[in-house]
N, C-alpha and C. Protein backbone atom coordinates (compact mmCIF):
# COMPACT_ATOMS: atom_id res chain seq x y z
N MET A 1 83.67 104.54 64.46
CA MET A 1 84.01 103.32 65.23
C MET A 1 82.75 102.49 65.41
N ASN A 2 82.85 101.20 65.12
CA ASN A 2 81.68 100.40 65.23
C ASN A 2 81.37 100.07 66.73
N LYS A 3 80.16 99.54 66.91
CA LYS A 3 79.71 99.27 68.28
C LYS A 3 80.60 98.30 69.05
N PHE A 4 81.13 97.27 68.35
CA PHE A 4 82.00 96.26 68.96
C PHE A 4 83.26 96.94 69.47
N CYS A 5 83.96 97.72 68.62
CA CYS A 5 85.22 98.36 68.98
C CYS A 5 84.91 99.36 70.11
N ARG A 6 83.84 100.12 70.09
CA ARG A 6 83.54 101.08 71.08
C ARG A 6 83.39 100.37 72.44
N SER A 7 82.74 99.23 72.45
CA SER A 7 82.56 98.51 73.75
C SER A 7 83.84 97.96 74.28
N ARG A 8 84.69 97.50 73.37
CA ARG A 8 86.05 96.99 73.76
C ARG A 8 86.91 98.08 74.37
N VAL A 9 86.92 99.25 73.66
CA VAL A 9 87.68 100.37 74.13
C VAL A 9 87.14 100.87 75.51
N LEU A 10 85.82 100.90 75.64
CA LEU A 10 85.25 101.31 76.95
C LEU A 10 85.60 100.32 78.05
N GLY A 11 85.59 99.02 77.74
CA GLY A 11 85.95 98.04 78.71
C GLY A 11 87.44 98.17 79.12
N LEU A 12 88.27 98.45 78.14
CA LEU A 12 89.69 98.62 78.45
C LEU A 12 89.93 99.86 79.28
N ILE A 13 89.23 100.97 78.99
CA ILE A 13 89.37 102.15 79.83
C ILE A 13 88.91 101.88 81.22
N CYS A 14 87.78 101.19 81.39
CA CYS A 14 87.27 100.87 82.75
C CYS A 14 88.28 100.03 83.48
N ALA A 15 88.85 99.02 82.87
CA ALA A 15 89.78 98.17 83.53
C ALA A 15 91.04 98.95 83.94
N LEU A 16 91.58 99.77 83.01
CA LEU A 16 92.78 100.57 83.37
C LEU A 16 92.49 101.57 84.50
N THR A 17 91.30 102.15 84.49
CA THR A 17 90.92 103.04 85.53
C THR A 17 90.82 102.37 86.91
N ALA A 18 90.23 101.15 86.90
CA ALA A 18 90.13 100.37 88.12
C ALA A 18 91.51 99.97 88.60
N LEU A 19 92.38 99.58 87.67
CA LEU A 19 93.77 99.18 88.03
C LEU A 19 94.49 100.41 88.67
N ALA A 20 94.36 101.53 88.01
CA ALA A 20 95.08 102.72 88.53
C ALA A 20 94.52 103.17 89.85
N ALA A 21 93.20 102.93 90.11
CA ALA A 21 92.62 103.34 91.36
C ALA A 21 92.82 102.36 92.47
N GLY A 22 93.42 101.19 92.12
CA GLY A 22 93.76 100.19 93.14
C GLY A 22 92.63 99.27 93.46
N THR A 23 91.52 99.30 92.67
CA THR A 23 90.43 98.35 92.96
C THR A 23 90.69 97.03 92.36
N ILE A 24 91.69 96.84 91.51
CA ILE A 24 92.12 95.57 91.05
C ILE A 24 93.56 95.37 91.52
N ASP A 25 93.71 94.35 92.35
CA ASP A 25 95.06 94.12 92.90
C ASP A 25 95.65 92.89 92.22
N VAL A 26 96.49 93.18 91.14
CA VAL A 26 97.07 92.10 90.35
C VAL A 26 97.83 91.12 91.18
N TYR A 27 98.54 91.57 92.21
CA TYR A 27 99.35 90.71 93.02
C TYR A 27 98.79 90.61 94.42
N GLY A 28 97.45 90.62 94.55
CA GLY A 28 96.75 90.61 95.87
C GLY A 28 96.48 89.21 96.42
N ALA A 29 95.59 89.16 97.38
CA ALA A 29 95.28 87.94 98.09
C ALA A 29 94.84 86.81 97.17
N GLU A 30 94.00 87.10 96.20
CA GLU A 30 93.57 86.02 95.32
C GLU A 30 94.70 85.51 94.46
N ALA A 31 95.59 86.44 93.97
CA ALA A 31 96.75 86.01 93.21
C ALA A 31 97.66 85.11 94.05
N GLY A 32 97.86 85.50 95.28
CA GLY A 32 98.73 84.73 96.24
C GLY A 32 98.08 83.35 96.48
N LYS A 33 96.80 83.29 96.66
CA LYS A 33 96.16 82.05 96.91
C LYS A 33 96.21 81.16 95.70
N ASP A 34 96.04 81.71 94.51
CA ASP A 34 96.13 80.99 93.23
C ASP A 34 97.59 80.43 93.06
N LEU A 35 98.57 81.22 93.30
CA LEU A 35 99.97 80.76 93.20
C LEU A 35 100.22 79.64 94.21
N TYR A 36 99.77 79.85 95.42
CA TYR A 36 99.95 78.83 96.45
C TYR A 36 99.25 77.50 96.07
N ARG A 37 98.05 77.62 95.58
CA ARG A 37 97.27 76.44 95.10
C ARG A 37 98.04 75.69 94.00
N THR A 38 98.67 76.44 93.14
CA THR A 38 99.39 75.84 91.98
C THR A 38 100.70 75.23 92.38
N TYR A 39 101.49 75.90 93.21
CA TYR A 39 102.83 75.45 93.45
C TYR A 39 103.13 74.94 94.85
N CYS A 40 102.27 75.14 95.85
CA CYS A 40 102.62 74.82 97.24
C CYS A 40 101.68 73.79 97.93
N TRP A 41 100.46 73.75 97.48
CA TRP A 41 99.48 72.87 98.18
C TRP A 41 99.89 71.39 98.25
N GLN A 42 100.56 70.94 97.18
CA GLN A 42 100.88 69.53 97.12
C GLN A 42 101.68 69.04 98.39
N CYS A 43 102.55 69.90 98.86
CA CYS A 43 103.35 69.55 99.99
C CYS A 43 102.87 70.19 101.34
N HIS A 44 102.48 71.54 101.20
CA HIS A 44 102.13 72.30 102.37
C HIS A 44 100.69 72.22 102.70
N GLY A 45 99.84 71.66 101.85
CA GLY A 45 98.44 71.42 102.13
C GLY A 45 97.50 72.61 101.78
N SER A 46 96.30 72.30 101.56
CA SER A 46 95.33 73.33 101.16
C SER A 46 95.07 74.38 102.24
N GLN A 47 95.33 74.00 103.47
CA GLN A 47 95.20 74.98 104.59
C GLN A 47 96.56 75.60 105.02
N GLY A 48 97.61 75.10 104.39
CA GLY A 48 98.94 75.65 104.67
C GLY A 48 99.59 75.04 105.89
N ASN A 49 98.98 73.92 106.38
CA ASN A 49 99.39 73.35 107.61
C ASN A 49 100.46 72.23 107.51
N GLY A 50 101.05 72.07 106.30
CA GLY A 50 102.09 71.09 106.06
C GLY A 50 101.57 69.70 105.83
N LYS A 51 100.30 69.54 105.59
CA LYS A 51 99.73 68.23 105.44
C LYS A 51 99.14 68.06 104.01
N GLY A 52 100.02 68.32 103.02
CA GLY A 52 99.63 68.19 101.62
C GLY A 52 99.63 66.72 101.20
N ILE A 53 99.18 66.47 99.93
CA ILE A 53 99.04 65.13 99.51
C ILE A 53 100.43 64.45 99.31
N ASN A 54 101.48 65.24 99.11
CA ASN A 54 102.84 64.70 98.96
C ASN A 54 103.55 64.53 100.28
N ALA A 55 102.95 65.09 101.31
CA ALA A 55 103.57 64.97 102.68
C ALA A 55 103.26 63.55 103.24
N GLY A 56 104.04 63.13 104.12
CA GLY A 56 103.79 61.88 104.78
C GLY A 56 105.03 61.12 105.12
N ASP A 57 104.87 59.87 105.33
CA ASP A 57 106.01 59.08 105.81
C ASP A 57 107.10 58.96 104.84
N ASN A 58 106.80 59.21 103.52
CA ASN A 58 107.86 59.09 102.50
C ASN A 58 108.78 60.32 102.40
N MET A 59 108.49 61.35 103.21
CA MET A 59 109.38 62.53 103.21
C MET A 59 110.22 62.49 104.49
N SER A 60 111.54 62.73 104.33
CA SER A 60 112.37 62.64 105.50
C SER A 60 112.24 63.89 106.40
N VAL A 61 111.70 64.96 105.82
CA VAL A 61 111.44 66.16 106.63
C VAL A 61 109.99 66.62 106.26
N ALA A 62 109.19 66.85 107.27
CA ALA A 62 107.81 67.27 107.01
C ALA A 62 107.78 68.70 106.45
N PRO A 63 106.88 68.93 105.53
CA PRO A 63 106.75 70.29 104.96
C PRO A 63 106.38 71.28 106.09
N ARG A 64 106.85 72.55 105.94
CA ARG A 64 106.64 73.57 106.91
C ARG A 64 105.14 73.88 107.09
N ASP A 65 104.72 74.04 108.31
CA ASP A 65 103.37 74.49 108.59
C ASP A 65 103.31 76.03 108.52
N HIS A 66 102.73 76.56 107.48
CA HIS A 66 102.70 78.01 107.27
C HIS A 66 101.67 78.71 108.14
N THR A 67 100.88 77.94 108.87
CA THR A 67 99.92 78.56 109.77
C THR A 67 100.51 78.72 111.17
N ASP A 68 101.71 78.25 111.41
CA ASP A 68 102.38 78.33 112.67
C ASP A 68 102.95 79.78 112.89
N ALA A 69 102.16 80.58 113.57
CA ALA A 69 102.56 82.04 113.63
C ALA A 69 103.88 82.22 114.41
N LYS A 70 104.12 81.36 115.41
CA LYS A 70 105.31 81.52 116.22
C LYS A 70 106.54 81.28 115.32
N TYR A 71 106.53 80.23 114.54
CA TYR A 71 107.69 79.95 113.68
C TYR A 71 107.77 80.98 112.55
N MET A 72 106.64 81.24 111.93
CA MET A 72 106.67 82.15 110.74
C MET A 72 107.05 83.62 111.12
N SER A 73 106.70 84.05 112.25
CA SER A 73 107.02 85.39 112.64
C SER A 73 108.51 85.54 112.95
N GLY A 74 109.24 84.46 113.08
CA GLY A 74 110.67 84.48 113.27
C GLY A 74 111.42 84.51 111.96
N ARG A 75 110.72 84.44 110.82
CA ARG A 75 111.34 84.43 109.51
C ARG A 75 111.04 85.75 108.84
N SER A 76 112.10 86.38 108.35
CA SER A 76 111.88 87.67 107.62
C SER A 76 111.28 87.41 106.26
N ASP A 77 110.68 88.44 105.67
CA ASP A 77 110.13 88.28 104.32
C ASP A 77 111.28 87.91 103.27
N ALA A 78 112.44 88.52 103.55
CA ALA A 78 113.60 88.26 102.71
C ALA A 78 114.02 86.76 102.77
N GLU A 79 113.92 86.19 103.99
CA GLU A 79 114.28 84.77 104.13
C GLU A 79 113.23 83.89 103.42
N LEU A 80 111.99 84.25 103.58
CA LEU A 80 110.88 83.45 102.89
C LEU A 80 111.07 83.55 101.35
N PHE A 81 111.36 84.76 100.90
CA PHE A 81 111.58 85.00 99.46
C PHE A 81 112.68 84.12 98.97
N LYS A 82 113.79 84.14 99.72
CA LYS A 82 114.96 83.38 99.31
C LYS A 82 114.70 81.86 99.31
N ALA A 83 113.94 81.38 100.29
CA ALA A 83 113.58 79.94 100.32
C ALA A 83 112.75 79.54 99.14
N ILE A 84 111.85 80.41 98.75
CA ILE A 84 111.02 80.11 97.58
C ILE A 84 111.84 80.19 96.28
N LYS A 85 112.59 81.20 96.18
CA LYS A 85 113.34 81.47 94.92
C LYS A 85 114.44 80.42 94.72
N LYS A 86 115.21 80.21 95.84
CA LYS A 86 116.45 79.35 95.64
C LYS A 86 116.31 77.94 96.31
N GLY A 87 115.20 77.67 96.97
CA GLY A 87 115.01 76.38 97.60
C GLY A 87 115.45 76.30 99.01
N GLY A 88 115.04 75.28 99.72
CA GLY A 88 115.37 75.07 101.09
C GLY A 88 116.84 75.14 101.53
N PRO A 89 117.71 74.48 100.71
CA PRO A 89 119.12 74.52 101.11
C PRO A 89 119.70 75.95 101.14
N ALA A 90 119.13 76.89 100.40
CA ALA A 90 119.68 78.25 100.39
C ALA A 90 119.49 78.98 101.73
N VAL A 91 118.55 78.41 102.58
CA VAL A 91 118.34 79.00 103.88
C VAL A 91 118.51 77.97 104.93
N ASN A 92 119.34 76.98 104.66
CA ASN A 92 119.64 75.94 105.60
C ASN A 92 118.35 75.19 106.09
N LYS A 93 117.47 74.90 105.16
CA LYS A 93 116.28 74.19 105.40
C LYS A 93 116.29 72.89 104.44
N ALA A 94 115.17 72.23 104.50
CA ALA A 94 115.06 70.93 103.77
C ALA A 94 115.47 70.95 102.32
N VAL A 95 116.19 69.97 101.89
CA VAL A 95 116.59 69.83 100.48
C VAL A 95 115.39 69.50 99.60
N LEU A 96 114.33 69.06 100.24
CA LEU A 96 113.12 68.72 99.53
C LEU A 96 112.31 69.93 99.01
N MET A 97 112.62 71.12 99.55
CA MET A 97 111.98 72.33 99.08
C MET A 97 112.72 72.78 97.84
N PRO A 98 112.03 72.71 96.67
CA PRO A 98 112.69 73.03 95.42
C PRO A 98 112.85 74.52 95.20
N PRO A 99 113.83 74.95 94.38
CA PRO A 99 113.88 76.34 93.94
C PRO A 99 112.89 76.67 92.91
N TRP A 100 112.14 77.71 93.11
CA TRP A 100 111.11 78.13 92.15
C TRP A 100 111.49 79.35 91.34
N GLY A 101 112.71 79.80 91.48
CA GLY A 101 113.15 81.01 90.81
C GLY A 101 113.18 80.95 89.29
N THR A 102 113.23 79.79 88.73
CA THR A 102 113.21 79.70 87.27
C THR A 102 111.78 79.55 86.72
N VAL A 103 110.84 79.37 87.67
CA VAL A 103 109.43 79.23 87.29
C VAL A 103 108.61 80.41 87.60
N LEU A 104 108.88 81.01 88.77
CA LEU A 104 108.10 82.18 89.21
C LEU A 104 108.89 83.47 89.03
N THR A 105 108.23 84.52 88.82
CA THR A 105 108.89 85.83 88.71
C THR A 105 109.09 86.29 90.16
N ASP A 106 109.93 87.36 90.34
CA ASP A 106 110.14 87.94 91.65
C ASP A 106 108.82 88.48 92.21
N ASP A 107 107.98 89.10 91.26
CA ASP A 107 106.67 89.61 91.74
C ASP A 107 105.81 88.52 92.22
N ASP A 108 105.83 87.33 91.54
CA ASP A 108 105.05 86.14 92.00
C ASP A 108 105.54 85.70 93.40
N ILE A 109 106.86 85.73 93.56
CA ILE A 109 107.37 85.25 94.87
C ILE A 109 107.01 86.23 95.95
N HIS A 110 107.08 87.54 95.70
CA HIS A 110 106.66 88.54 96.71
C HIS A 110 105.16 88.37 97.05
N THR A 111 104.37 88.00 96.02
CA THR A 111 102.95 87.78 96.25
C THR A 111 102.74 86.57 97.13
N LEU A 112 103.54 85.48 96.89
CA LEU A 112 103.47 84.36 97.77
C LEU A 112 103.86 84.64 99.20
N VAL A 113 104.89 85.51 99.36
CA VAL A 113 105.34 85.88 100.70
C VAL A 113 104.22 86.57 101.47
N ARG A 114 103.53 87.49 100.75
CA ARG A 114 102.40 88.17 101.36
C ARG A 114 101.27 87.18 101.74
N TYR A 115 101.04 86.19 100.88
CA TYR A 115 100.06 85.19 101.20
C TYR A 115 100.45 84.32 102.36
N LEU A 116 101.72 83.99 102.49
CA LEU A 116 102.21 83.28 103.63
C LEU A 116 101.94 84.05 104.91
N ARG A 117 102.09 85.39 104.90
CA ARG A 117 101.78 86.21 106.06
C ARG A 117 100.32 86.16 106.37
N GLU A 118 99.41 86.04 105.34
CA GLU A 118 98.04 85.89 105.61
C GLU A 118 97.74 84.56 106.28
N LEU A 119 98.38 83.50 105.77
CA LEU A 119 98.15 82.16 106.33
C LEU A 119 98.52 82.09 107.79
N CYS A 120 99.63 82.67 108.17
CA CYS A 120 100.07 82.65 109.56
C CYS A 120 99.41 83.75 110.40
N GLY A 121 98.82 84.73 109.78
CA GLY A 121 98.26 85.86 110.54
C GLY A 121 99.33 86.56 111.31
N CYS A 122 100.51 86.65 110.74
CA CYS A 122 101.63 87.26 111.50
C CYS A 122 102.54 88.11 110.56
N ARG A 123 103.42 88.78 111.15
CA ARG A 123 104.49 89.47 110.45
C ARG A 123 105.79 89.13 111.12
N HIS A 124 106.88 89.53 110.49
CA HIS A 124 108.22 89.22 111.03
C HIS A 124 108.45 89.97 112.34
N GLU A 125 108.82 89.22 113.38
CA GLU A 125 109.15 89.78 114.70
C GLU A 125 110.61 89.48 114.96
N PRO A 126 111.51 90.43 114.65
CA PRO A 126 112.97 90.08 114.93
C PRO A 126 113.20 89.75 116.39
N ALA A 127 114.14 88.85 116.58
CA ALA A 127 114.50 88.51 117.96
C ALA A 127 115.14 89.72 118.63
N SER A 128 114.82 89.89 119.90
CA SER A 128 115.41 91.05 120.63
C SER A 128 116.65 90.67 121.37
């Protein structure tokens, strides 16, 4: 085996070992942030506060503020998943929220839901 192939194989083994050990989180915080940056920032803003470049007077409903822990803790992960996958109308929210289910995989959407929980610093708190 030549030197180039040996280094490639060694690199692949190291990467697979790190992945198996959990030191590489394929669907972790950075992946969630990247997905949010690509698909959500335009409306929800770089800080997740609903003040994106597409938000403003031209929208009949303001984009959701994902940093609002009180609101976000009242939404289950399943509801957030459904809103992302099927769009706002699927959860009786704004028609301006598009369905991303044909663009994003279910794993991508779960990653986004975890990132939304990071943005709000909250988890779902069912009503008592």
